[in-house]
Structures are given as structure tokens and as C-alpha cells.
Amino acid sequence: MPVPLLEPTLSGARVVPVLVLDDVDTALPLAEALVAGGLTTLEVTLRTPKALACAEAIAAKVPGALVGLGTLTKPEHFAQARDAGATFLVSP
């Protein structure tokens, strides 16, 4: 059974790049290139200390990007993801 709020976000995404980012200066041009290439739904994993900052920067500065956060393993990650502008969340 599809999740009602998640389905509209992901239904058009044939491929969702899963990004491990540790530098905002690298994250922004990468996200811009992916969106320009038609990959607009992006998952940033919480595997690095700068992941939240990268996700927040992409959400704020890359038009057309639907940013999700993955590898949420702690309750506080959910509020952090919301504050960073995440459109969807992935938890193992």
C-alpha cells in the first residue's frame, strides 16, 4: 500500500541519486548538474558531519530539487530533516 504523502513526491522519479556529501561547495554544483540532467529527486544520506548543511543548501539554492534525507537513525534526525527543508525521509 503506497504512503499517500510519499507517493506524489516519488512517483515521477525513475532514479533517485543517493548522495554522500561532506562539502557544501561540492554539493551545490553536483545537485545543480543532477537537476539539469533531469534527476530532480535527491536523497542526501546522514553519513557525514556536513550532510545536514549540504541538504539545507541544496533545498534553498537549487531550484527544482526535491531533497530527501536518508539514514535517519535517531529521533532528533526527524526535526533536523524538517528544518533542513527535506521533502521526504528514509530510515533503515
C-alpha atoms as a PDB file:
ATOM      1  CA  MET A   1       0.000   0.000   0.000  1.00  0.00           C
ATOM      2  CA  PRO A   2       1.551   3.349  -1.027  1.00  0.00           C
ATOM      3  CA  VAL A   3       2.110   6.059   1.538  1.00  0.00           C
ATOM      4  CA  PRO A   4      -0.211   8.930   0.472  1.00  0.00           C
ATOM      5  CA  LEU A   5       2.234  11.776   1.085  1.00  0.00           C
ATOM      6  CA  LEU A   6       5.260   9.972  -0.290  1.00  0.00           C
ATOM      7  CA  GLU A   7       3.732   8.671  -3.491  1.00  0.00           C
ATOM      8  CA  PRO A   8       3.286  12.075  -5.225  1.00  0.00           C
ATOM      9  CA  THR A   9       6.862  13.001  -4.349  1.00  0.00           C
ATOM     10  CA  LEU A  10       8.492   9.838  -5.633  1.00  0.00           C
ATOM     11  CA  SER A  11       6.086   8.541  -8.288  1.00  0.00           C
ATOM     12  CA  GLY A  12       7.708  10.527 -11.093  1.00  0.00           C
ATOM     13  CA  ALA A  13      11.253   9.701 -10.061  1.00  0.00           C
ATOM     14  CA  ARG A  14      12.613   6.792 -12.053  1.00  0.00           C
ATOM     15  CA  VAL A  15      16.018   7.181 -10.421  1.00  0.00           C
ATOM     16  CA  VAL A  16      16.819   8.722  -7.038  1.00  0.00           C
ATOM     17  CA  PRO A  17      20.511   9.504  -6.627  1.00  0.00           C
ATOM     18  CA  VAL A  18      21.697   8.673  -3.110  1.00  0.00           C
ATOM     19  CA  LEU A  19      24.336  11.246  -2.194  1.00  0.00           C
ATOM     20  CA  VAL A  20      27.027  11.054   0.469  1.00  0.00           C
ATOM     21  CA  LEU A  21      28.163  14.671   0.795  1.00  0.00           C
ATOM     22  CA  ASP A  22      30.714  16.258   3.072  1.00  0.00           C
ATOM     23  CA  ASP A  23      31.224  19.676   1.478  1.00  0.00           C
ATOM     24  CA  VAL A  24      28.610  22.305   0.586  1.00  0.00           C
ATOM     25  CA  ASP A  25      30.879  23.767  -2.097  1.00  0.00           C
ATOM     26  CA  THR A  26      30.863  20.407  -3.868  1.00  0.00           C
ATOM     27  CA  ALA A  27      27.238  19.551  -3.079  1.00  0.00           C
ATOM     28  CA  LEU A  28      25.694  22.555  -4.814  1.00  0.00           C
ATOM     29  CA  PRO A  29      27.238  22.098  -8.277  1.00  0.00           C
ATOM     30  CA  LEU A  30      26.599  18.355  -8.089  1.00  0.00           C
ATOM     31  CA  ALA A  31      22.920  18.916  -7.259  1.00  0.00           C
ATOM     32  CA  GLU A  32      22.614  21.556  -9.988  1.00  0.00           C
ATOM     33  CA  ALA A  33      24.064  19.137 -12.542  1.00  0.00           C
ATOM     34  CA  LEU A  34      21.756  16.313 -11.461  1.00  0.00           C
ATOM     35  CA  VAL A  35      18.673  18.554 -11.659  1.00  0.00           C
ATOM     36  CA  ALA A  36      19.783  19.918 -15.050  1.00  0.00           C
ATOM     37  CA  GLY A  37      20.086  16.300 -16.216  1.00  0.00           C
ATOM     38  CA  GLY A  38      16.515  15.539 -15.141  1.00  0.00           C
ATOM     39  CA  LEU A  39      17.243  13.864 -11.804  1.00  0.00           C
ATOM     40  CA  THR A  40      15.293  16.171  -9.517  1.00  0.00           C
ATOM     41  CA  THR A  41      14.643  13.889  -6.543  1.00  0.00           C
ATOM     42  CA  LEU A  42      17.816  13.657  -4.459  1.00  0.00           C
ATOM     43  CA  GLU A  43      18.481  11.730  -1.253  1.00  0.00           C
ATOM     44  CA  VAL A  44      21.263  13.071   0.974  1.00  0.00           C
ATOM     45  CA  THR A  45      22.407  10.478   3.498  1.00  0.00           C
ATOM     46  CA  LEU A  46      23.245  11.435   7.066  1.00  0.00           C
ATOM     47  CA  ARG A  47      26.594   9.646   6.910  1.00  0.00           C
ATOM     48  CA  THR A  48      28.861  12.695   7.182  1.00  0.00           C
ATOM     49  CA  PRO A  49      29.115  15.620   9.611  1.00  0.00           C
ATOM     50  CA  LYS A  50      28.181  18.120   6.855  1.00  0.00           C
ATOM     51  CA  ALA A  51      25.219  16.190   5.428  1.00  0.00           C
ATOM     52  CA  LEU A  52      22.537  18.394   7.005  1.00  0.00           C
ATOM     53  CA  ALA A  53      24.267  21.581   5.870  1.00  0.00           C
ATOM     54  CA  CYS A  54      24.550  20.167   2.356  1.00  0.00           C
ATOM     55  CA  ALA A  55      20.879  19.158   2.252  1.00  0.00           C
ATOM     56  CA  GLU A  56      19.793  22.549   3.561  1.00  0.00           C
ATOM     57  CA  ALA A  57      21.911  24.373   0.976  1.00  0.00           C
ATOM     58  CA  ILE A  58      20.558  22.256  -1.874  1.00  0.00           C
ATOM     59  CA  ALA A  59      16.959  22.737  -0.737  1.00  0.00           C
ATOM     60  CA  ALA A  60      17.453  26.500  -0.505  1.00  0.00           C
ATOM     61  CA  LYS A  61      19.637  27.155  -3.539  1.00  0.00           C
ATOM     62  CA  VAL A  62      18.899  24.573  -6.228  1.00  0.00           C
ATOM     63  CA  PRO A  63      15.579  25.311  -7.940  1.00  0.00           C
ATOM     64  CA  GLY A  64      13.653  22.190  -8.860  1.00  0.00           C
ATOM     65  CA  ALA A  65      15.458  19.890  -6.427  1.00  0.00           C
ATOM     66  CA  LEU A  66      13.314  17.699  -4.187  1.00  0.00           C
ATOM     67  CA  VAL A  67      15.643  16.955  -1.311  1.00  0.00           C
ATOM     68  CA  GLY A  68      15.186  13.977   0.957  1.00  0.00           C
ATOM     69  CA  LEU A  69      17.309  12.831   3.855  1.00  0.00           C
ATOM     70  CA  GLY A  70      18.318   9.227   4.355  1.00  0.00           C
ATOM     71  CA  THR A  71      19.938   7.135   7.049  1.00  0.00           C
ATOM     72  CA  LEU A  72      17.807   8.673   9.786  1.00  0.00           C
ATOM     73  CA  THR A  73      18.644   6.582  12.839  1.00  0.00           C
ATOM     74  CA  LYS A  74      17.858   8.858  15.786  1.00  0.00           C
ATOM     75  CA  PRO A  75      14.628  10.603  16.804  1.00  0.00           C
ATOM     76  CA  GLU A  76      16.270  14.038  16.581  1.00  0.00           C
ATOM     77  CA  HIS A  77      17.073  13.431  12.914  1.00  0.00           C
ATOM     78  CA  PHE A  78      13.409  13.915  12.024  1.00  0.00           C
ATOM     79  CA  ALA A  79      13.263  17.501  13.323  1.00  0.00           C
ATOM     80  CA  GLN A  80      16.669  18.237  11.798  1.00  0.00           C
ATOM     81  CA  ALA A  81      15.469  16.950   8.433  1.00  0.00           C
ATOM     82  CA  ARG A  82      12.361  19.104   8.585  1.00  0.00           C
ATOM     83  CA  ASP A  83      14.432  22.154   9.491  1.00  0.00           C
ATOM     84  CA  ALA A  84      16.815  21.453   6.601  1.00  0.00           C
ATOM     85  CA  GLY A  85      13.919  21.504   4.127  1.00  0.00           C
ATOM     86  CA  ALA A  86      13.692  17.789   3.387  1.00  0.00           C
ATOM     87  CA  THR A  87      10.743  16.719   1.256  1.00  0.00           C
ATOM     88  CA  PHE A  88      10.981  13.045   2.219  1.00  0.00           C
ATOM     89  CA  LEU A  89      12.823  10.856   4.736  1.00  0.00           C
ATOM     90  CA  VAL A  90      14.394   7.398   4.544  1.00  0.00           C
ATOM     91  CA  SER A  91      15.181   5.308   7.584  1.00  0.00           C
ATOM     92  CA  PRO A  92      16.910   1.919   7.565  1.00  0.00           C
END
